[in-house]
N, C-alpha and C. Protein backbone atom coordinates (compact mmCIF):
# COMPACT_ATOMS: atom_id res chain seq x y z
N UNK A 1 1.14 -1.14 -0.03
CA UNK A 1 -0.13 0.20 0.01
C UNK A 1 0.83 1.38 -0.41
N UNK A 2 0.75 2.48 -1.13
CA UNK A 2 1.32 3.55 -0.84
C UNK A 2 0.76 4.36 -0.77
N UNK A 3 0.88 5.29 -0.14
CA UNK A 3 -0.10 6.63 0.12
C UNK A 3 0.42 7.69 -0.44
N UNK A 4 -0.65 7.73 -1.17
CA UNK A 4 -0.22 9.30 -2.52
C UNK A 4 -0.44 10.72 -1.64
N UNK A 5 -1.80 10.92 -0.62
CA UNK A 5 -1.82 11.71 -0.16
C UNK A 5 -2.17 11.65 1.28
N UNK A 6 -1.64 12.59 2.35
CA UNK A 6 -1.64 12.57 3.54
C UNK A 6 -2.08 13.50 4.31
N UNK A 7 -3.11 14.02 4.78
CA UNK A 7 -3.79 15.16 5.70
C UNK A 7 -3.58 14.30 7.40
N UNK A 8 -3.02 16.02 7.84
CA UNK A 8 -2.97 15.65 9.74
C UNK A 8 -3.46 17.02 10.20
N UNK A 9 -4.62 16.32 10.77
CA UNK A 9 -5.41 17.72 11.62
C UNK A 9 -5.98 18.51 10.58
N UNK A 10 -5.94 18.50 9.71
CA UNK A 10 -5.85 20.27 8.08
C UNK A 10 -7.40 20.80 8.51
N UNK A 11 -7.03 21.95 8.76
CA UNK A 11 -7.91 22.66 9.02
C UNK A 11 -7.82 24.12 8.54
N UNK A 12 -9.31 24.66 8.24
CA UNK A 12 -9.32 25.92 7.37
C UNK A 12 -10.44 26.33 7.90
N UNK A 13 -9.80 28.11 7.62
CA UNK A 13 -10.87 29.06 8.55
C UNK A 13 -11.06 30.10 7.60
N UNK A 14 -11.83 30.65 7.72
CA UNK A 14 -12.08 31.57 7.09
C UNK A 14 -13.22 32.84 7.76
N UNK A 15 -12.07 33.78 8.47
CA UNK A 15 -12.28 34.53 9.29
C UNK A 15 -13.08 33.88 10.60
N UNK A 16 -14.32 33.67 10.84
CA UNK A 16 -14.86 32.76 12.23
C UNK A 16 -15.56 31.75 11.46
N UNK A 17 -15.87 31.68 10.10
CA UNK A 17 -15.96 30.24 9.79
C UNK A 17 -14.83 29.00 9.60
N UNK A 18 -15.32 27.76 9.96
CA UNK A 18 -14.08 27.00 9.80
C UNK A 18 -14.66 26.01 8.50
N UNK A 19 -14.42 25.75 7.24
CA UNK A 19 -14.11 25.14 6.54
C UNK A 19 -14.14 23.51 6.48
N UNK A 20 -12.97 23.60 7.16
CA UNK A 20 -12.42 22.10 7.76
C UNK A 20 -11.78 22.09 8.87
N UNK A 21 -12.29 20.93 9.99
CA UNK A 21 -11.60 21.18 11.01
C UNK A 21 -10.85 19.49 11.54
N UNK A 22 -9.64 19.75 11.14
CA UNK A 22 -9.02 18.38 11.76
C UNK A 22 -9.14 17.57 10.94
N UNK A 23 -9.11 17.28 9.79
CA UNK A 23 -9.14 15.99 8.93
C UNK A 23 -7.92 15.61 8.75
N UNK A 24 -8.51 13.82 9.16
CA UNK A 24 -6.96 13.25 8.94
C UNK A 24 -7.34 12.02 7.48
N UNK A 25 -6.98 11.96 6.73
CA UNK A 25 -7.06 11.09 5.84
C UNK A 25 -6.26 10.83 5.07
N UNK A 26 -6.22 9.39 4.61
CA UNK A 26 -4.93 8.55 3.83
C UNK A 26 -5.40 8.17 2.52
N UNK A 27 -5.19 8.71 1.65
CA UNK A 27 -5.64 8.11 0.39
C UNK A 27 -4.15 7.17 -0.51
N UNK A 28 -4.90 6.19 -1.00
CA UNK A 28 -3.42 5.43 -1.39
C UNK A 28 -3.49 5.33 -3.20
N UNK A 29 -2.30 5.31 -3.50
CA UNK A 29 -1.96 5.10 -4.91
C UNK A 29 -2.65 4.59 -5.87
N UNK A 30 -3.07 4.57 -7.15
CA UNK A 30 -4.01 3.30 -7.98
C UNK A 30 -5.31 3.70 -7.72
N UNK A 31 -5.75 4.05 -7.08
CA UNK A 31 -7.36 3.88 -6.09
C UNK A 31 -8.12 5.53 -7.22
N UNK A 32 -9.57 4.91 -6.48
CA UNK A 32 -10.68 6.02 -7.02
C UNK A 32 -11.62 6.20 -5.95
N UNK A 33 -11.22 7.56 -5.56
CA UNK A 33 -12.00 7.76 -4.33
C UNK A 33 -13.24 8.86 -4.61
N UNK A 34 -14.25 8.14 -3.90
CA UNK A 34 -16.02 9.95 -4.30
C UNK A 34 -15.45 10.41 -2.74
N UNK A 35 -15.65 11.54 -2.69
CA UNK A 35 -15.57 12.71 -1.35
C UNK A 35 -17.02 12.95 -1.42
N UNK A 36 -17.80 12.46 -0.31
CA UNK A 36 -19.28 12.42 -0.82
C UNK A 36 -19.53 13.87 0.77
N UNK A 37 -20.29 14.10 0.07
CA UNK A 37 -21.32 15.29 1.73
C UNK A 37 -21.96 16.22 0.91
N UNK A 38 -22.73 17.22 1.68
CA UNK A 38 -23.47 18.35 1.17
C UNK A 38 -23.03 19.54 1.13
N UNK A 39 -23.05 20.29 0.26
CA UNK A 39 -22.96 21.82 -0.12
C UNK A 39 -22.66 22.26 0.99
N UNK A 40 -21.43 23.18 1.15
CA UNK A 40 -20.89 23.43 2.44
C UNK A 40 -19.55 22.68 3.54
N UNK A 41 -19.40 21.57 3.43
CA UNK A 41 -18.97 20.63 4.09
C UNK A 41 -16.87 20.70 3.98
N UNK A 42 -16.85 21.11 2.87
CA UNK A 42 -15.73 21.62 3.24
C UNK A 42 -14.63 20.50 1.88
N UNK A 43 -15.82 20.28 0.97
CA UNK A 43 -15.03 19.02 -0.22
C UNK A 43 -14.22 20.03 -0.79
N UNK A 44 -14.34 21.16 -1.65
CA UNK A 44 -13.91 22.58 -2.25
C UNK A 44 -13.16 22.64 -1.47
N UNK A 45 -13.11 23.27 -0.56
CA UNK A 45 -11.84 23.68 0.38
C UNK A 45 -10.68 22.93 0.17
N UNK A 46 -11.12 21.45 0.61
CA UNK A 46 -9.95 20.40 0.70
C UNK A 46 -9.06 20.08 -0.97
N UNK A 47 -10.26 20.19 -2.20
CA UNK A 47 -9.23 20.19 -2.63
C UNK A 47 -8.74 21.34 -2.99
N UNK A 48 -9.15 22.74 -3.40
CA UNK A 48 -8.52 23.85 -3.16
C UNK A 48 -7.56 24.23 -2.70
N UNK A 49 -7.53 23.65 -1.04
CA UNK A 49 -5.47 23.00 -0.51
C UNK A 49 -4.71 22.09 -0.97
N UNK A 50 -4.99 21.04 -1.66
CA UNK A 50 -4.44 19.79 -1.84
C UNK A 50 -3.85 20.91 -3.71
N UNK A 51 -4.77 21.14 -4.40
CA UNK A 51 -4.15 21.87 -5.61
C UNK A 51 -3.03 23.03 -5.35
N UNK A 52 -3.08 23.54 -3.95
CA UNK A 52 -2.16 24.81 -3.73
C UNK A 52 -2.27 26.28 -3.68
N UNK A 53 -3.93 26.06 -4.02
CA UNK A 53 -5.07 27.42 -4.05
C UNK A 53 -4.88 28.46 -2.50
N UNK A 54 -4.96 27.17 -1.92
CA UNK A 54 -5.64 27.67 -0.38
C UNK A 54 -4.28 26.96 0.15
N UNK A 55 -3.63 28.03 1.46
CA UNK A 55 -2.98 27.54 2.30
C UNK A 55 -3.78 26.67 3.69
N UNK A 56 -3.70 26.09 4.17
CA UNK A 56 -4.07 25.30 5.30
C UNK A 56 -4.06 26.66 6.35
N UNK A 57 -5.09 26.66 7.59
CA UNK A 57 -4.88 27.56 9.08
C UNK A 57 -3.72 26.90 9.84
N UNK A 58 -4.18 25.59 9.87
CA UNK A 58 -3.26 24.48 10.73
C UNK A 58 -3.44 22.94 9.66
N UNK A 59 -2.10 22.22 10.53
CA UNK A 59 -2.50 20.91 10.33
C UNK A 59 -1.52 21.26 9.03
N UNK A 60 -1.30 19.69 8.57
CA UNK A 60 0.04 19.72 7.33
C UNK A 60 -0.97 18.56 6.28
N UNK A 61 -0.79 18.74 4.89
CA UNK A 61 -1.12 17.91 3.47
C UNK A 61 0.15 17.85 2.71
N UNK A 62 0.22 16.23 2.65
CA UNK A 62 1.64 16.27 2.21
C UNK A 62 0.75 15.22 0.94
N UNK A 63 1.72 15.50 -0.17
CA UNK A 63 1.32 14.16 -1.10
C UNK A 63 2.41 14.13 -1.96
N UNK A 64 2.43 12.81 -1.98
CA UNK A 64 3.57 12.06 -2.67
C UNK A 64 4.57 12.48 -2.42
N UNK A 65 4.94 12.70 -0.65
CA UNK A 65 5.79 12.86 -0.05
C UNK A 65 6.23 14.02 0.15
N UNK A 66 5.54 15.14 -0.32
CA UNK A 66 6.16 16.45 -0.16
C UNK A 66 5.02 17.91 0.52
N UNK A 67 5.12 18.29 0.98
CA UNK A 67 4.07 19.84 1.16
C UNK A 67 3.89 20.09 -0.19
N UNK A 68 2.29 20.48 -0.06
CA UNK A 68 2.11 20.62 -0.95
C UNK A 68 2.38 22.30 -1.73
N UNK A 69 2.79 22.42 -2.61
CA UNK A 69 3.37 23.70 -3.07
C UNK A 69 4.30 23.20 -4.73
N UNK A 70 4.88 24.10 -5.19
CA UNK A 70 5.46 24.12 -6.34
C UNK A 70 5.43 22.52 -6.74
N UNK A 71 6.08 22.09 -6.09
CA UNK A 71 6.63 20.73 -6.29
C UNK A 71 5.21 19.71 -6.46
N UNK A 72 4.46 19.52 -5.71
CA UNK A 72 3.16 19.06 -6.05
C UNK A 72 2.22 19.29 -7.08
N UNK A 73 2.23 20.41 -7.22
CA UNK A 73 1.27 21.40 -8.32
C UNK A 73 1.76 20.89 -10.22
N UNK A 74 2.78 19.94 -9.47
CA UNK A 74 3.07 19.33 -11.13
C UNK A 74 2.67 18.02 -11.42
N UNK A 75 2.15 17.34 -10.22
CA UNK A 75 1.45 16.08 -10.58
C UNK A 75 -0.02 16.29 -10.29
N UNK A 76 -0.09 17.09 -10.11
CA UNK A 76 -1.90 17.51 -9.25
C UNK A 76 -2.38 18.30 -10.23
N UNK A 77 -3.51 17.54 -10.93
CA UNK A 77 -4.58 17.84 -11.24
C UNK A 77 -5.87 18.13 -11.18
N UNK A 78 -6.09 19.42 -11.31
CA UNK A 78 -7.50 20.25 -10.30
C UNK A 78 -8.41 20.50 -11.67
N UNK A 79 -9.62 19.84 -11.03
CA UNK A 79 -10.62 20.98 -12.16
C UNK A 79 -12.12 21.07 -10.95
N UNK A 80 -11.65 22.00 -11.05
CA UNK A 80 -12.89 22.97 -10.58
C UNK A 80 -14.48 22.98 -11.01
N UNK A 81 -15.20 23.52 -10.09
CA UNK A 81 -16.48 23.20 -10.34
C UNK A 81 -16.71 24.82 -11.13
N UNK A 82 -15.76 25.85 -10.88
CA UNK A 82 -16.11 26.80 -11.51
C UNK A 82 -15.71 27.17 -13.15
N UNK A 83 -16.81 27.75 -14.18
CA UNK A 83 -16.27 27.83 -15.42
C UNK A 83 -15.30 28.72 -15.55
N UNK A 84 -13.52 28.23 -15.38
CA UNK A 84 -12.51 28.88 -15.62
C UNK A 84 -12.14 29.06 -16.97
N UNK A 85 -12.96 28.55 -18.31
CA UNK A 85 -12.43 28.55 -19.55
C UNK A 85 -12.71 29.67 -20.26
N UNK A 86 -12.00 30.66 -20.36
CA UNK A 86 -12.06 32.25 -20.81
C UNK A 86 -12.92 31.66 -22.45
N UNK A 87 -14.10 32.52 -22.06
CA UNK A 87 -15.32 32.22 -23.53
C UNK A 87 -14.34 32.97 -24.88
N UNK A 88 -13.78 34.06 -25.13
CA UNK A 88 -13.11 34.37 -26.38
C UNK A 88 -12.62 33.27 -26.73
N UNK A 89 -11.94 32.10 -26.13
CA UNK A 89 -11.03 31.12 -26.63
C UNK A 89 -11.89 30.21 -27.74
N UNK A 90 -11.03 29.90 -28.40
CA UNK A 90 -11.40 28.54 -29.12
C UNK A 90 -10.84 27.37 -28.52
N UNK A 91 -11.51 26.08 -28.80
CA UNK A 91 -10.89 24.82 -28.37
C UNK A 91 -10.02 24.56 -28.27
N UNK A 92 -9.23 24.71 -29.63
CA UNK A 92 -8.01 24.78 -29.94
C UNK A 92 -6.84 25.66 -29.16
N UNK A 93 -7.45 27.09 -28.66
CA UNK A 93 -6.41 27.32 -28.45
C UNK A 93 -6.44 27.15 -26.29
N UNK A 94 -7.34 26.42 -26.22
CA UNK A 94 -7.58 25.89 -24.40
C UNK A 94 -6.71 24.72 -24.60
N UNK A 95 -6.49 24.39 -25.77
CA UNK A 95 -5.66 23.45 -26.24
C UNK A 95 -4.25 23.57 -26.08
N UNK A 96 -4.21 24.98 -26.61
CA UNK A 96 -2.04 25.02 -26.78
C UNK A 96 -2.02 26.19 -25.15
N UNK A 97 -3.11 26.46 -24.25
CA UNK A 97 -3.16 27.05 -23.43
C UNK A 97 -2.32 25.91 -22.51
N UNK A 98 -2.93 24.90 -21.75
CA UNK A 98 -2.83 23.46 -21.85
C UNK A 98 -1.72 23.26 -21.83
N UNK A 99 -1.26 23.19 -23.05
CA UNK A 99 0.13 22.47 -23.30
C UNK A 99 1.39 23.54 -23.32
N UNK A 100 1.47 24.92 -22.71
CA UNK A 100 2.25 25.90 -22.57
C UNK A 100 2.52 25.80 -21.35
N UNK A 101 1.12 24.89 -20.78
CA UNK A 101 1.11 25.72 -19.15
C UNK A 101 1.92 24.28 -18.11
N UNK A 102 1.12 23.01 -18.93
CA UNK A 102 1.64 21.60 -18.14
C UNK A 102 2.45 21.16 -19.14
N UNK A 103 3.72 20.72 -18.23
CA UNK A 103 4.30 19.38 -19.45
C UNK A 103 4.05 18.25 -19.66
N UNK A 104 3.38 18.08 -18.71
CA UNK A 104 2.68 16.56 -18.74
C UNK A 104 1.12 16.54 -19.14
N UNK A 105 0.99 17.22 -20.39
CA UNK A 105 -0.20 17.31 -21.20
C UNK A 105 -0.08 16.32 -22.49
N UNK A 106 -1.00 15.75 -22.42
CA UNK A 106 -0.47 15.07 -23.90
C UNK A 106 -1.86 15.41 -24.74
N UNK A 107 -1.16 16.50 -25.92
CA UNK A 107 -2.05 16.98 -26.83
C UNK A 107 -3.26 15.52 -27.58
N UNK A 108 -2.18 14.69 -27.90
CA UNK A 108 -2.71 13.80 -28.76
C UNK A 108 -4.23 13.21 -28.20
N UNK A 109 -3.70 12.97 -26.72
CA UNK A 109 -5.08 12.35 -26.11
C UNK A 109 -6.07 13.11 -26.09
N UNK A 110 -6.08 14.59 -25.93
CA UNK A 110 -6.45 15.48 -25.68
C UNK A 110 -7.27 15.65 -27.23
N UNK A 111 -6.96 15.67 -28.33
CA UNK A 111 -7.48 15.56 -29.57
C UNK A 111 -8.44 14.52 -29.87
N UNK A 112 -8.25 13.40 -29.10
CA UNK A 112 -8.86 11.88 -29.53
C UNK A 112 -9.87 12.15 -28.58
N UNK A 113 -9.69 12.77 -27.27
CA UNK A 113 -10.59 12.93 -26.33
C UNK A 113 -11.99 13.52 -26.80
N UNK A 114 -11.56 14.50 -27.46
CA UNK A 114 -12.75 15.57 -28.15
C UNK A 114 -13.38 15.09 -28.82
N UNK A 115 -13.03 14.12 -29.75
CA UNK A 115 -13.59 13.69 -30.61
C UNK A 115 -14.61 12.78 -29.70
N UNK A 116 -14.33 11.89 -28.97
CA UNK A 116 -15.63 11.42 -28.09
C UNK A 116 -16.10 12.15 -27.51
N UNK A 117 -15.94 13.58 -26.98
CA UNK A 117 -16.91 14.28 -26.52
C UNK A 117 -17.80 15.02 -27.54
N UNK A 118 -17.78 14.24 -28.73
CA UNK A 118 -18.28 15.27 -29.68
C UNK A 118 -18.16 17.16 -29.90
N UNK A 119 -16.96 17.29 -29.87
CA UNK A 119 -16.37 18.73 -29.78
C UNK A 119 -14.64 18.82 -30.74
N UNK A 120 -15.39 20.17 -31.33
CA UNK A 120 -14.34 20.30 -32.55
C UNK A 120 -13.09 21.56 -31.76
N UNK A 121 -11.87 21.51 -32.72
CA UNK A 121 -11.14 22.57 -32.19
C UNK A 121 -11.43 24.13 -32.52
N UNK A 122 -12.33 24.16 -34.13
CA UNK A 122 -12.63 25.34 -33.96
C UNK A 122 -14.10 25.69 -33.48
N UNK A 123 -14.23 25.24 -32.25
CA UNK A 123 -15.41 25.40 -31.53
C UNK A 123 -15.38 26.77 -30.53
N UNK A 124 -16.49 27.59 -30.38
CA UNK A 124 -15.75 28.65 -29.01
C UNK A 124 -16.58 28.46 -28.23
N UNK A 125 -16.05 28.84 -26.76
CA UNK A 125 -16.00 27.97 -26.08
C UNK A 125 -17.30 28.70 -25.17
N UNK A 126 -17.85 30.56 -25.97
CA UNK A 126 -19.07 31.00 -25.56
C UNK A 126 -20.19 30.17 -26.29
N UNK A 127 -19.96 29.53 -27.61
CA UNK A 127 -20.76 28.77 -27.58
C UNK A 127 -21.21 27.61 -28.02
N UNK A 128 -20.59 26.91 -26.74
CA UNK A 128 -20.75 25.77 -25.74
C UNK A 128 -22.19 25.75 -24.70
N UNK A 129 -22.55 24.31 -24.45
CA UNK A 129 -23.70 24.25 -23.31
C UNK A 129 -22.73 24.65 -22.30
N UNK A 130 -23.67 24.48 -20.98
CA UNK A 130 -22.97 24.10 -20.08
C UNK A 130 -22.39 22.66 -19.63
N UNK A 131 -23.05 21.40 -20.24
CA UNK A 131 -22.62 20.34 -20.72
C UNK A 131 -21.48 20.01 -21.24
N UNK A 132 -21.54 20.70 -22.50
CA UNK A 132 -20.32 21.16 -23.82
C UNK A 132 -19.17 21.04 -22.91
N UNK A 133 -19.03 22.27 -21.86
CA UNK A 133 -18.35 22.85 -21.37
C UNK A 133 -17.44 22.20 -20.11
N UNK A 134 -18.86 21.34 -19.18
CA UNK A 134 -18.09 20.19 -18.60
C UNK A 134 -17.04 19.30 -19.60
N UNK A 135 -17.51 19.01 -20.63
CA UNK A 135 -16.81 17.88 -21.67
C UNK A 135 -15.30 18.26 -21.66
N UNK A 136 -15.33 19.63 -22.20
CA UNK A 136 -13.88 20.10 -22.17
C UNK A 136 -12.91 20.64 -20.86
N UNK A 137 -14.07 20.68 -19.84
CA UNK A 137 -13.15 20.91 -18.53
C UNK A 137 -12.64 19.51 -18.29
N UNK A 138 -13.08 18.38 -18.79
CA UNK A 138 -12.63 17.09 -18.37
C UNK A 138 -11.79 16.38 -19.40
N UNK A 139 -11.95 16.93 -20.25
CA UNK A 139 -10.92 16.26 -21.77
C UNK A 139 -9.31 17.07 -21.31
N UNK A 140 -9.24 18.30 -20.98
CA UNK A 140 -7.99 19.27 -20.56
C UNK A 140 -7.09 18.46 -19.20
N UNK A 141 -7.97 18.30 -18.27
CA UNK A 141 -8.00 17.81 -16.85
C UNK A 141 -7.24 16.53 -16.92
N UNK A 142 -7.81 15.43 -17.86
CA UNK A 142 -7.60 14.13 -18.08
C UNK A 142 -6.61 13.95 -19.25
N UNK A 143 -6.26 15.01 -19.83
CA UNK A 143 -5.31 14.53 -20.74
C UNK A 143 -3.68 14.70 -19.95
N UNK A 144 -3.89 15.54 -19.19
CA UNK A 144 -2.25 15.33 -18.14
C UNK A 144 -2.39 14.66 -17.41
N UNK A 145 -0.67 13.60 -17.77
CA UNK A 145 -0.24 12.29 -17.21
C UNK A 145 -0.26 13.09 -15.42
N UNK A 146 -0.95 12.76 -14.74
CA UNK A 146 -0.91 13.19 -13.40
C UNK A 146 -0.72 12.04 -12.84
N UNK A 147 -0.47 12.35 -11.37
CA UNK A 147 -0.27 11.20 -10.37
C UNK A 147 -2.31 11.23 -9.56
N UNK A 148 -2.52 12.61 -9.76
CA UNK A 148 -3.46 12.68 -8.92
C UNK A 148 -4.26 13.90 -9.21
N UNK A 149 -5.46 13.04 -9.54
CA UNK A 149 -6.81 13.85 -10.25
C UNK A 149 -7.73 14.10 -8.87
N UNK A 150 -7.92 15.28 -9.26
CA UNK A 150 -9.19 16.39 -8.40
C UNK A 150 -10.42 16.71 -9.06
N UNK A 151 -11.35 16.01 -9.35
CA UNK A 151 -12.59 16.34 -9.95
C UNK A 151 -13.33 16.87 -8.90
N UNK A 152 -13.90 18.33 -8.94
CA UNK A 152 -14.97 18.83 -8.11
C UNK A 152 -16.35 18.45 -8.44
N UNK A 153 -16.81 18.50 -8.23
CA UNK A 153 -18.27 18.17 -8.83
C UNK A 153 -18.52 18.22 -10.32
N UNK A 154 -17.90 17.14 -11.01
CA UNK A 154 -17.74 16.95 -12.29
C UNK A 154 -19.16 16.54 -12.69
N UNK A 155 -20.33 15.96 -12.41
CA UNK A 155 -21.99 15.92 -12.56
C UNK A 155 -22.61 16.79 -12.46
N UNK A 156 -21.95 17.51 -11.80
CA UNK A 156 -22.94 18.86 -11.43
C UNK A 156 -23.90 19.49 -12.14
N UNK A 157 -25.44 19.54 -12.32
CA UNK A 157 -25.83 20.59 -13.17
C UNK A 157 -25.60 20.48 -14.52
N UNK A 158 -25.56 19.09 -14.66
CA UNK A 158 -25.38 18.74 -16.42
C UNK A 158 -26.27 18.12 -17.08
N UNK A 159 -26.43 17.65 -18.22
CA UNK A 159 -27.37 16.70 -18.90
C UNK A 159 -26.89 15.56 -18.51
N UNK A 160 -27.74 14.53 -19.15
CA UNK A 160 -27.30 12.82 -19.16
C UNK A 160 -26.58 12.28 -20.11
N UNK A 161 -26.90 13.00 -21.13
CA UNK A 161 -25.78 12.69 -22.22
C UNK A 161 -24.01 12.75 -21.80
N UNK A 162 -23.86 14.12 -21.35
CA UNK A 162 -22.82 14.62 -21.36
C UNK A 162 -21.94 14.27 -19.38
N UNK A 163 -22.92 13.68 -19.06
CA UNK A 163 -22.94 12.92 -17.39
C UNK A 163 -22.38 11.28 -17.89
N UNK A 164 -22.99 10.50 -18.81
CA UNK A 164 -22.40 9.44 -19.36
C UNK A 164 -21.03 9.75 -19.88
N UNK A 165 -20.64 10.71 -20.89
CA UNK A 165 -19.80 10.44 -21.55
C UNK A 165 -18.24 11.34 -20.62
N UNK A 166 -18.73 12.03 -19.67
CA UNK A 166 -17.53 12.40 -18.57
C UNK A 166 -17.08 10.98 -17.87
N UNK A 167 -18.40 9.93 -17.15
CA UNK A 167 -17.70 8.92 -16.05
C UNK A 167 -17.28 8.05 -17.13
N UNK A 168 -17.49 7.68 -18.83
CA UNK A 168 -16.63 6.82 -19.39
C UNK A 168 -15.57 8.01 -19.77
N UNK A 169 -15.03 8.82 -19.84
CA UNK A 169 -13.97 9.12 -19.85
C UNK A 169 -12.67 8.85 -18.88
N UNK A 170 -13.44 8.71 -17.34
CA UNK A 170 -12.77 8.83 -16.04
C UNK A 170 -12.51 7.27 -16.43
N UNK A 171 -13.50 6.80 -16.51
CA UNK A 171 -12.96 5.21 -16.32
C UNK A 171 -12.04 4.99 -17.50
N UNK A 172 -11.95 5.17 -18.91
CA UNK A 172 -10.50 5.26 -19.35
C UNK A 172 -9.78 5.76 -19.19
N UNK A 173 -9.59 6.70 -18.45
CA UNK A 173 -8.16 7.19 -18.24
C UNK A 173 -7.46 6.83 -17.37
N UNK A 174 -7.93 5.57 -16.45
CA UNK A 174 -7.24 5.41 -14.86
C UNK A 174 -6.47 4.78 -15.60
N UNK A 175 -5.14 4.85 -14.46
CA UNK A 175 -4.31 4.31 -14.80
C UNK A 175 -3.32 3.58 -13.30
N UNK A 176 -2.81 2.73 -13.58
CA UNK A 176 -2.45 1.83 -12.15
C UNK A 176 -1.42 2.97 -11.60
N UNK A 177 -0.73 3.76 -12.19
CA UNK A 177 0.53 5.09 -10.88
C UNK A 177 -0.80 6.15 -10.57
N UNK A 178 -2.12 6.27 -11.06
CA UNK A 178 -2.31 7.73 -10.55
C UNK A 178 -4.15 7.00 -9.74
N UNK A 179 -4.27 8.51 -9.18
CA UNK A 179 -5.41 8.13 -8.01
C UNK A 179 -6.59 9.45 -8.84
N UNK A 180 -7.52 8.93 -8.25
CA UNK A 180 -8.74 9.98 -9.21
C UNK A 180 -9.48 10.11 -7.60
N UNK A 181 -9.73 11.28 -7.14
CA UNK A 181 -10.83 11.93 -6.35
C UNK A 181 -11.86 13.01 -6.73
N UNK A 182 -12.85 12.27 -6.75
CA UNK A 182 -14.50 12.93 -7.18
C UNK A 182 -14.93 13.00 -6.25
N UNK A 183 -15.75 14.41 -5.76
CA UNK A 183 -16.43 14.80 -5.24
C UNK A 183 -17.69 15.64 -5.67
N UNK A 184 -18.67 14.63 -5.33
CA UNK A 184 -20.23 15.19 -4.77
C UNK A 184 -21.07 14.83 -3.40
N UNK A 185 -22.25 16.09 -3.99
CA UNK A 185 -22.92 16.32 -2.65
C UNK A 185 -24.32 15.62 -2.97
N UNK A 186 -23.98 14.81 -4.64
CA UNK A 186 -25.62 14.07 -4.64
C UNK A 186 -24.65 12.25 -5.10
N UNK A 187 -24.57 11.96 -3.56
CA UNK A 187 -24.37 10.88 -3.56
C UNK A 187 -24.95 9.43 -4.59
N UNK A 188 -26.72 9.60 -4.26
CA UNK A 188 -27.21 8.46 -5.02
C UNK A 188 -26.91 8.32 -6.45
N UNK A 189 -26.53 9.42 -7.07
CA UNK A 189 -26.12 10.30 -8.56
C UNK A 189 -24.86 9.37 -8.57
N UNK A 190 -23.87 9.92 -8.16
CA UNK A 190 -22.36 8.99 -8.48
C UNK A 190 -23.16 7.49 -8.05
N UNK A 191 -22.86 7.68 -7.23
CA UNK A 191 -23.32 5.77 -7.10
C UNK A 191 -23.73 5.04 -8.38
N UNK A 192 -24.91 5.83 -8.69
CA UNK A 192 -25.78 5.22 -9.82
C UNK A 192 -24.53 5.09 -11.24
N UNK A 193 -24.35 6.43 -11.02
CA UNK A 193 -22.93 6.45 -12.69
C UNK A 193 -22.08 5.75 -12.54
N UNK A 194 -21.24 5.56 -11.19
CA UNK A 194 -20.13 4.56 -11.13
C UNK A 194 -20.46 2.64 -10.99
N UNK A 195 -21.54 3.04 -10.73
CA UNK A 195 -21.99 1.36 -11.13
C UNK A 195 -22.91 0.43 -12.10
N UNK A 196 -22.51 1.76 -13.13
CA UNK A 196 -23.20 1.39 -14.16
C UNK A 196 -22.47 0.22 -15.09
């Protein structure tokens, strides 16, 4: 058993509110995990700490033997719930951006995945539906050869066709040397999708 991620008494507060309190967690390499809980339970906060976007108030988070920081960002792929893709970009430009930003980005895999997701490089982000944007976010995230994938509510608010395509992509992207954590507040829906 190889531990990829270890949280010790991880706590994050925002003014008087505690988003996480003394979280202790061990995540093994080569597995898929569901991070389940209602809205406001700290799932996104945990992901943002793991992705190096938030600093914990106290406690520690170790990924692959290193404290979260510049090194851990190299092998952590985070897909937030927010709509972070620039509307003026074409999909080809989104791929260009990811190829420039991440050394582990596999452009060939991304292009193949676009076909599976029924997307084209000449499409403009502003013309995509919510489900299509979710598919594009999944394409660029899973095209990285990361050790840890953090997928924050990837099925939230999207149509059934997109949901099915996204779950198939997650399953087809699994490797023995990577770990996937999927968060959701819709426990029954995630379970239903995963058990298909």
